[in-house]
Amino acid sequence: MQCGFNTARAAAGLCAHRNTVERRVSRADELSAVKVEDNPTHVAAALLVLDIAPDIVTTGPN
């Protein structure tokens, strides 16, 4: 999102191949109820919450 959805620029910033970035975004889209490109603000907010409070995510029933 910080690279304006430009996968080549994102890949350069992450020192990764463009295809790797595209696969990871595709995988995130598969796992998420909200697609990154459809609602970048929602996704950015969710990532910020995970950055601030990583323990908020559960791995399943306890």
PDB file of N, CA and C in Angstrom:
ATOM      1  N   MET A   1       0.832  -1.181   0.000  1.00  0.00           N
ATOM      2  CA  MET A   1       0.000   0.000   0.000  1.00  0.00           C
ATOM      3  C   MET A   1       0.878   1.245   0.000  1.00  0.00           C
ATOM      4  N   GLN A   2       1.987   1.181   0.716  1.00  0.00           N
ATOM      5  CA  GLN A   2       2.884   2.327   0.800  1.00  0.00           C
ATOM      6  C   GLN A   2       3.521   2.656  -0.543  1.00  0.00           C
ATOM      7  N   CYS A   3       3.535   1.690  -1.441  1.00  0.00           N
ATOM      8  CA  CYS A   3       4.133   1.893  -2.767  1.00  0.00           C
ATOM      9  C   CYS A   3       3.064   2.146  -3.821  1.00  0.00           C
ATOM     10  N   GLY A   4       1.870   2.497  -3.391  1.00  0.00           N
ATOM     11  CA  GLY A   4       0.803   2.792  -4.336  1.00  0.00           C
ATOM     12  C   GLY A   4       0.385   1.586  -5.155  1.00  0.00           C
ATOM     13  N   PHE A   5       0.450   0.405  -4.560  1.00  0.00           N
ATOM     14  CA  PHE A   5       0.087  -0.848  -5.221  1.00  0.00           C
ATOM     15  C   PHE A   5       0.975  -1.159  -6.414  1.00  0.00           C
ATOM     16  N   ASN A   6       2.175  -0.613  -6.416  1.00  0.00           N
ATOM     17  CA  ASN A   6       3.153  -0.900  -7.463  1.00  0.00           C
ATOM     18  C   ASN A   6       4.033  -2.033  -6.955  1.00  0.00           C
ATOM     19  N   THR A   7       3.843  -3.230  -7.524  1.00  0.00           N
ATOM     20  CA  THR A   7       4.555  -4.401  -7.010  1.00  0.00           C
ATOM     21  C   THR A   7       6.060  -4.330  -7.273  1.00  0.00           C
ATOM     22  N   ALA A   8       6.458  -3.724  -8.377  1.00  0.00           N
ATOM     23  CA  ALA A   8       7.898  -3.607  -8.658  1.00  0.00           C
ATOM     24  C   ALA A   8       8.570  -2.718  -7.616  1.00  0.00           C
ATOM     25  N   ARG A   9       7.936  -1.614  -7.275  1.00  0.00           N
ATOM     26  CA  ARG A   9       8.494  -0.707  -6.267  1.00  0.00           C
ATOM     27  C   ARG A   9       8.490  -1.363  -4.886  1.00  0.00           C
ATOM     28  N   ALA A  10       7.415  -2.068  -4.567  1.00  0.00           N
ATOM     29  CA  ALA A  10       7.341  -2.768  -3.281  1.00  0.00           C
ATOM     30  C   ALA A  10       8.430  -3.838  -3.195  1.00  0.00           C
ATOM     31  N   ALA A  11       8.609  -4.572  -4.275  1.00  0.00           N
ATOM     32  CA  ALA A  11       9.634  -5.619  -4.298  1.00  0.00           C
ATOM     33  C   ALA A  11      11.020  -5.030  -4.084  1.00  0.00           C
ATOM     34  N   ALA A  12      11.298  -3.916  -4.733  1.00  0.00           N
ATOM     35  CA  ALA A  12      12.604  -3.274  -4.566  1.00  0.00           C
ATOM     36  C   ALA A  12      12.809  -2.842  -3.113  1.00  0.00           C
ATOM     37  N   GLY A  13      11.765  -2.293  -2.505  1.00  0.00           N
ATOM     38  CA  GLY A  13      11.863  -1.853  -1.118  1.00  0.00           C
ATOM     39  C   GLY A  13      12.026  -2.996  -0.141  1.00  0.00           C
ATOM     40  N   LEU A  14      11.506  -4.162  -0.508  1.00  0.00           N
ATOM     41  CA  LEU A  14      11.584  -5.340   0.362  1.00  0.00           C
ATOM     42  C   LEU A  14      12.750  -6.253   0.009  1.00  0.00           C
ATOM     43  N   CYS A  15      13.503  -5.876  -1.019  1.00  0.00           N
ATOM     44  CA  CYS A  15      14.593  -6.729  -1.524  1.00  0.00           C
ATOM     45  C   CYS A  15      14.063  -8.120  -1.880  1.00  0.00           C
ATOM     46  N   ALA A  16      12.939  -8.134  -2.575  1.00  0.00           N
ATOM     47  CA  ALA A  16      12.300  -9.383  -2.987  1.00  0.00           C
ATOM     48  C   ALA A  16      11.974  -9.293  -4.472  1.00  0.00           C
ATOM     49  N   HIS A  17      11.653 -10.417  -5.059  1.00  0.00           N
ATOM     50  CA  HIS A  17      11.252 -10.439  -6.467  1.00  0.00           C
ATOM     51  C   HIS A  17       9.795  -9.987  -6.577  1.00  0.00           C
ATOM     52  N   ARG A  18       9.470  -9.344  -7.675  1.00  0.00           N
ATOM     53  CA  ARG A  18       8.106  -8.846  -7.899  1.00  0.00           C
ATOM     54  C   ARG A  18       7.085  -9.978  -7.807  1.00  0.00           C
ATOM     55  N   ASN A  19       7.417 -11.151  -8.346  1.00  0.00           N
ATOM     56  CA  ASN A  19       6.485 -12.285  -8.285  1.00  0.00           C
ATOM     57  C   ASN A  19       6.216 -12.719  -6.849  1.00  0.00           C
ATOM     58  N   THR A  20       7.221 -12.615  -5.995  1.00  0.00           N
ATOM     59  CA  THR A  20       7.043 -12.962  -4.584  1.00  0.00           C
ATOM     60  C   THR A  20       6.025 -12.029  -3.938  1.00  0.00           C
ATOM     61  N   VAL A  21       6.156 -10.743  -4.223  1.00  0.00           N
ATOM     62  CA  VAL A  21       5.212  -9.760  -3.676  1.00  0.00           C
ATOM     63  C   VAL A  21       3.810 -10.051  -4.203  1.00  0.00           C
ATOM     64  N   GLU A  22       3.684 -10.313  -5.487  1.00  0.00           N
ATOM     65  CA  GLU A  22       2.370 -10.590  -6.066  1.00  0.00           C
ATOM     66  C   GLU A  22       1.742 -11.844  -5.456  1.00  0.00           C
ATOM     67  N   ARG A  23       2.534 -12.891  -5.243  1.00  0.00           N
ATOM     68  CA  ARG A  23       2.010 -14.118  -4.630  1.00  0.00           C
ATOM     69  C   ARG A  23       1.554 -13.867  -3.195  1.00  0.00           C
ATOM     70  N   ARG A  24       2.315 -13.081  -2.464  1.00  0.00           N
ATOM     71  CA  ARG A  24       1.945 -12.809  -1.065  1.00  0.00           C
ATOM     72  C   ARG A  24       0.683 -11.967  -0.971  1.00  0.00           C
ATOM     73  N   VAL A  25       0.530 -11.008  -1.861  1.00  0.00           N
ATOM     74  CA  VAL A  25      -0.693 -10.206  -1.873  1.00  0.00           C
ATOM     75  C   VAL A  25      -1.874 -11.092  -2.272  1.00  0.00           C
ATOM     76  N   SER A  26      -1.678 -11.960  -3.248  1.00  0.00           N
ATOM     77  CA  SER A  26      -2.739 -12.886  -3.657  1.00  0.00           C
ATOM     78  C   SER A  26      -3.142 -13.798  -2.497  1.00  0.00           C
ATOM     79  N   ARG A  27      -2.149 -14.273  -1.776  1.00  0.00           N
ATOM     80  CA  ARG A  27      -2.426 -15.159  -0.626  1.00  0.00           C
ATOM     81  C   ARG A  27      -3.171 -14.404   0.464  1.00  0.00           C
ATOM     82  N   ALA A  28      -2.775 -13.174   0.704  1.00  0.00           N
ATOM     83  CA  ALA A  28      -3.473 -12.348   1.699  1.00  0.00           C
ATOM     84  C   ALA A  28      -4.920 -12.137   1.272  1.00  0.00           C
ATOM     85  N   ASP A  29      -5.146 -11.918  -0.007  1.00  0.00           N
ATOM     86  CA  ASP A  29      -6.505 -11.753  -0.516  1.00  0.00           C
ATOM     87  C   ASP A  29      -7.332 -13.020  -0.312  1.00  0.00           C
ATOM     88  N   GLU A  30      -6.713 -14.187  -0.505  1.00  0.00           N
ATOM     89  CA  GLU A  30      -7.414 -15.463  -0.310  1.00  0.00           C
ATOM     90  C   GLU A  30      -7.825 -15.658   1.146  1.00  0.00           C
ATOM     91  N   LEU A  31      -6.962 -15.240   2.056  1.00  0.00           N
ATOM     92  CA  LEU A  31      -7.196 -15.469   3.481  1.00  0.00           C
ATOM     93  C   LEU A  31      -8.073 -14.408   4.133  1.00  0.00           C
ATOM     94  N   SER A  32      -8.232 -13.288   3.488  1.00  0.00           N
ATOM     95  CA  SER A  32      -8.930 -12.162   4.091  1.00  0.00           C
ATOM     96  C   SER A  32     -10.350 -12.017   3.548  1.00  0.00           C
ATOM     97  N   ALA A  33     -11.219 -11.533   4.403  1.00  0.00           N
ATOM     98  CA  ALA A  33     -12.585 -11.225   3.966  1.00  0.00           C
ATOM     99  C   ALA A  33     -12.606  -9.950   3.132  1.00  0.00           C
ATOM    100  N   VAL A  34     -11.572  -9.128   3.295  1.00  0.00           N
ATOM    101  CA  VAL A  34     -11.478  -7.853   2.577  1.00  0.00           C
ATOM    102  C   VAL A  34     -10.263  -7.900   1.666  1.00  0.00           C
ATOM    103  N   LYS A  35     -10.461  -7.625   0.393  1.00  0.00           N
ATOM    104  CA  LYS A  35      -9.356  -7.605  -0.560  1.00  0.00           C
ATOM    105  C   LYS A  35      -8.550  -6.319  -0.381  1.00  0.00           C
ATOM    106  N   VAL A  36      -7.242  -6.433  -0.484  1.00  0.00           N
ATOM    107  CA  VAL A  36      -6.338  -5.304  -0.260  1.00  0.00           C
ATOM    108  C   VAL A  36      -6.699  -4.123  -1.167  1.00  0.00           C
ATOM    109  N   GLU A  37      -6.879  -4.384  -2.433  1.00  0.00           N
ATOM    110  CA  GLU A  37      -7.139  -3.297  -3.382  1.00  0.00           C
ATOM    111  C   GLU A  37      -8.548  -2.734  -3.260  1.00  0.00           C
ATOM    112  N   ASP A  38      -9.497  -3.535  -2.729  1.00  0.00           N
ATOM    113  CA  ASP A  38     -10.872  -3.059  -2.592  1.00  0.00           C
ATOM    114  C   ASP A  38     -11.026  -2.071  -1.449  1.00  0.00           C
ATOM    115  N   ASN A  39     -10.280  -2.261  -0.381  1.00  0.00           N
ATOM    116  CA  ASN A  39     -10.408  -1.392   0.791  1.00  0.00           C
ATOM    117  C   ASN A  39      -9.063  -1.266   1.503  1.00  0.00           C
ATOM    118  N   PRO A  40      -8.126  -0.505   0.913  1.00  0.00           N
ATOM    119  CA  PRO A  40      -6.793  -0.396   1.499  1.00  0.00           C
ATOM    120  C   PRO A  40      -6.791   0.214   2.898  1.00  0.00           C
ATOM    121  N   THR A  41      -7.740   1.076   3.204  1.00  0.00           N
ATOM    122  CA  THR A  41      -7.784   1.684   4.532  1.00  0.00           C
ATOM    123  C   THR A  41      -8.097   0.634   5.592  1.00  0.00           C
ATOM    124  N   HIS A  42      -9.039  -0.237   5.301  1.00  0.00           N
ATOM    125  CA  HIS A  42      -9.403  -1.313   6.229  1.00  0.00           C
ATOM    126  C   HIS A  42      -8.209  -2.239   6.468  1.00  0.00           C
ATOM    127  N   VAL A  43      -7.541  -2.600   5.402  1.00  0.00           N
ATOM    128  CA  VAL A  43      -6.391  -3.500   5.508  1.00  0.00           C
ATOM    129  C   VAL A  43      -5.246  -2.817   6.264  1.00  0.00           C
ATOM    130  N   ALA A  44      -4.997  -1.541   5.973  1.00  0.00           N
ATOM    131  CA  ALA A  44      -3.936  -0.802   6.666  1.00  0.00           C
ATOM    132  C   ALA A  44      -4.227  -0.726   8.161  1.00  0.00           C
ATOM    133  N   ALA A  45      -5.485  -0.490   8.510  1.00  0.00           N
ATOM    134  CA  ALA A  45      -5.856  -0.431   9.928  1.00  0.00           C
ATOM    135  C   ALA A  45      -5.642  -1.781  10.603  1.00  0.00           C
ATOM    136  N   ALA A  46      -6.014  -2.862   9.925  1.00  0.00           N
ATOM    137  CA  ALA A  46      -5.825  -4.195  10.493  1.00  0.00           C
ATOM    138  C   ALA A  46      -4.351  -4.498  10.689  1.00  0.00           C
ATOM    139  N   LEU A  47      -3.524  -4.136   9.718  1.00  0.00           N
ATOM    140  CA  LEU A  47      -2.084  -4.370   9.853  1.00  0.00           C
ATOM    141  C   LEU A  47      -1.482  -3.538  10.978  1.00  0.00           C
ATOM    142  N   LEU A  48      -1.976  -2.323  11.151  1.00  0.00           N
ATOM    143  CA  LEU A  48      -1.502  -1.472  12.242  1.00  0.00           C
ATOM    144  C   LEU A  48      -1.850  -2.092  13.594  1.00  0.00           C
ATOM    145  N   VAL A  49      -3.061  -2.601  13.724  1.00  0.00           N
ATOM    146  CA  VAL A  49      -3.466  -3.257  14.972  1.00  0.00           C
ATOM    147  C   VAL A  49      -2.564  -4.458  15.245  1.00  0.00           C
ATOM    148  N   LEU A  50      -2.284  -5.250  14.208  1.00  0.00           N
ATOM    149  CA  LEU A  50      -1.415  -6.414  14.397  1.00  0.00           C
ATOM    150  C   LEU A  50       0.002  -6.004  14.781  1.00  0.00           C
ATOM    151  N   ASP A  51       0.452  -4.869  14.261  1.00  0.00           N
ATOM    152  CA  ASP A  51       1.784  -4.385  14.602  1.00  0.00           C
ATOM    153  C   ASP A  51       1.836  -3.928  16.056  1.00  0.00           C
ATOM    154  N   ILE A  52       0.787  -3.260  16.487  1.00  0.00           N
ATOM    155  CA  ILE A  52       0.743  -2.722  17.855  1.00  0.00           C
ATOM    156  C   ILE A  52       0.454  -3.824  18.875  1.00  0.00           C
ATOM    157  N   ALA A  53      -0.452  -4.737  18.534  1.00  0.00           N
ATOM    158  CA  ALA A  53      -0.877  -5.771  19.480  1.00  0.00           C
ATOM    159  C   ALA A  53      -0.876  -7.134  18.805  1.00  0.00           C
ATOM    160  N   PRO A  54       0.311  -7.698  18.562  1.00  0.00           N
ATOM    161  CA  PRO A  54       0.379  -8.977  17.836  1.00  0.00           C
ATOM    162  C   PRO A  54      -0.315 -10.137  18.555  1.00  0.00           C
ATOM    163  N   ASP A  55      -0.493 -10.038  19.858  1.00  0.00           N
ATOM    164  CA  ASP A  55      -1.132 -11.115  20.607  1.00  0.00           C
ATOM    165  C   ASP A  55      -2.648 -11.135  20.450  1.00  0.00           C
ATOM    166  N   ILE A  56      -3.193 -10.174  19.721  1.00  0.00           N
ATOM    167  CA  ILE A  56      -4.635 -10.098  19.521  1.00  0.00           C
ATOM    168  C   ILE A  56      -5.134 -11.237  18.630  1.00  0.00           C
ATOM    169  N   VAL A  57      -4.264 -11.792  17.819  1.00  0.00           N
ATOM    170  CA  VAL A  57      -4.632 -12.863  16.899  1.00  0.00           C
ATOM    171  C   VAL A  57      -4.584 -14.191  17.643  1.00  0.00           C
ATOM    172  N   THR A  58      -5.628 -14.967  17.483  1.00  0.00           N
ATOM    173  CA  THR A  58      -5.644 -16.299  18.078  1.00  0.00           C
ATOM    174  C   THR A  58      -5.435 -17.326  16.977  1.00  0.00           C
ATOM    175  N   THR A  59      -4.910 -18.453  17.334  1.00  0.00           N
ATOM    176  CA  THR A  59      -4.649 -19.508  16.356  1.00  0.00           C
ATOM    177  C   THR A  59      -5.759 -20.546  16.339  1.00  0.00           C
ATOM    178  N   GLY A  60      -6.762 -20.367  17.145  1.00  0.00           N
ATOM    179  CA  GLY A  60      -7.869 -21.309  17.169  1.00  0.00           C
ATOM    180  C   GLY A  60      -8.467 -21.386  18.544  1.00  0.00           C
ATOM    181  N   PRO A  61      -9.459 -22.267  18.713  1.00  0.00           N
ATOM    182  CA  PRO A  61     -10.093 -22.396  20.030  1.00  0.00           C
ATOM    183  C   PRO A  61      -9.117 -22.879  21.080  1.00  0.00           C
ATOM    184  N   ASN A  62      -9.280 -22.358  22.270  1.00  0.00           N
ATOM    185  CA  ASN A  62      -8.421 -22.766  23.397  1.00  0.00           C
ATOM    186  C   ASN A  62      -9.015 -23.882  24.178  1.00  0.00           C
TER     187      ASN A  62
END
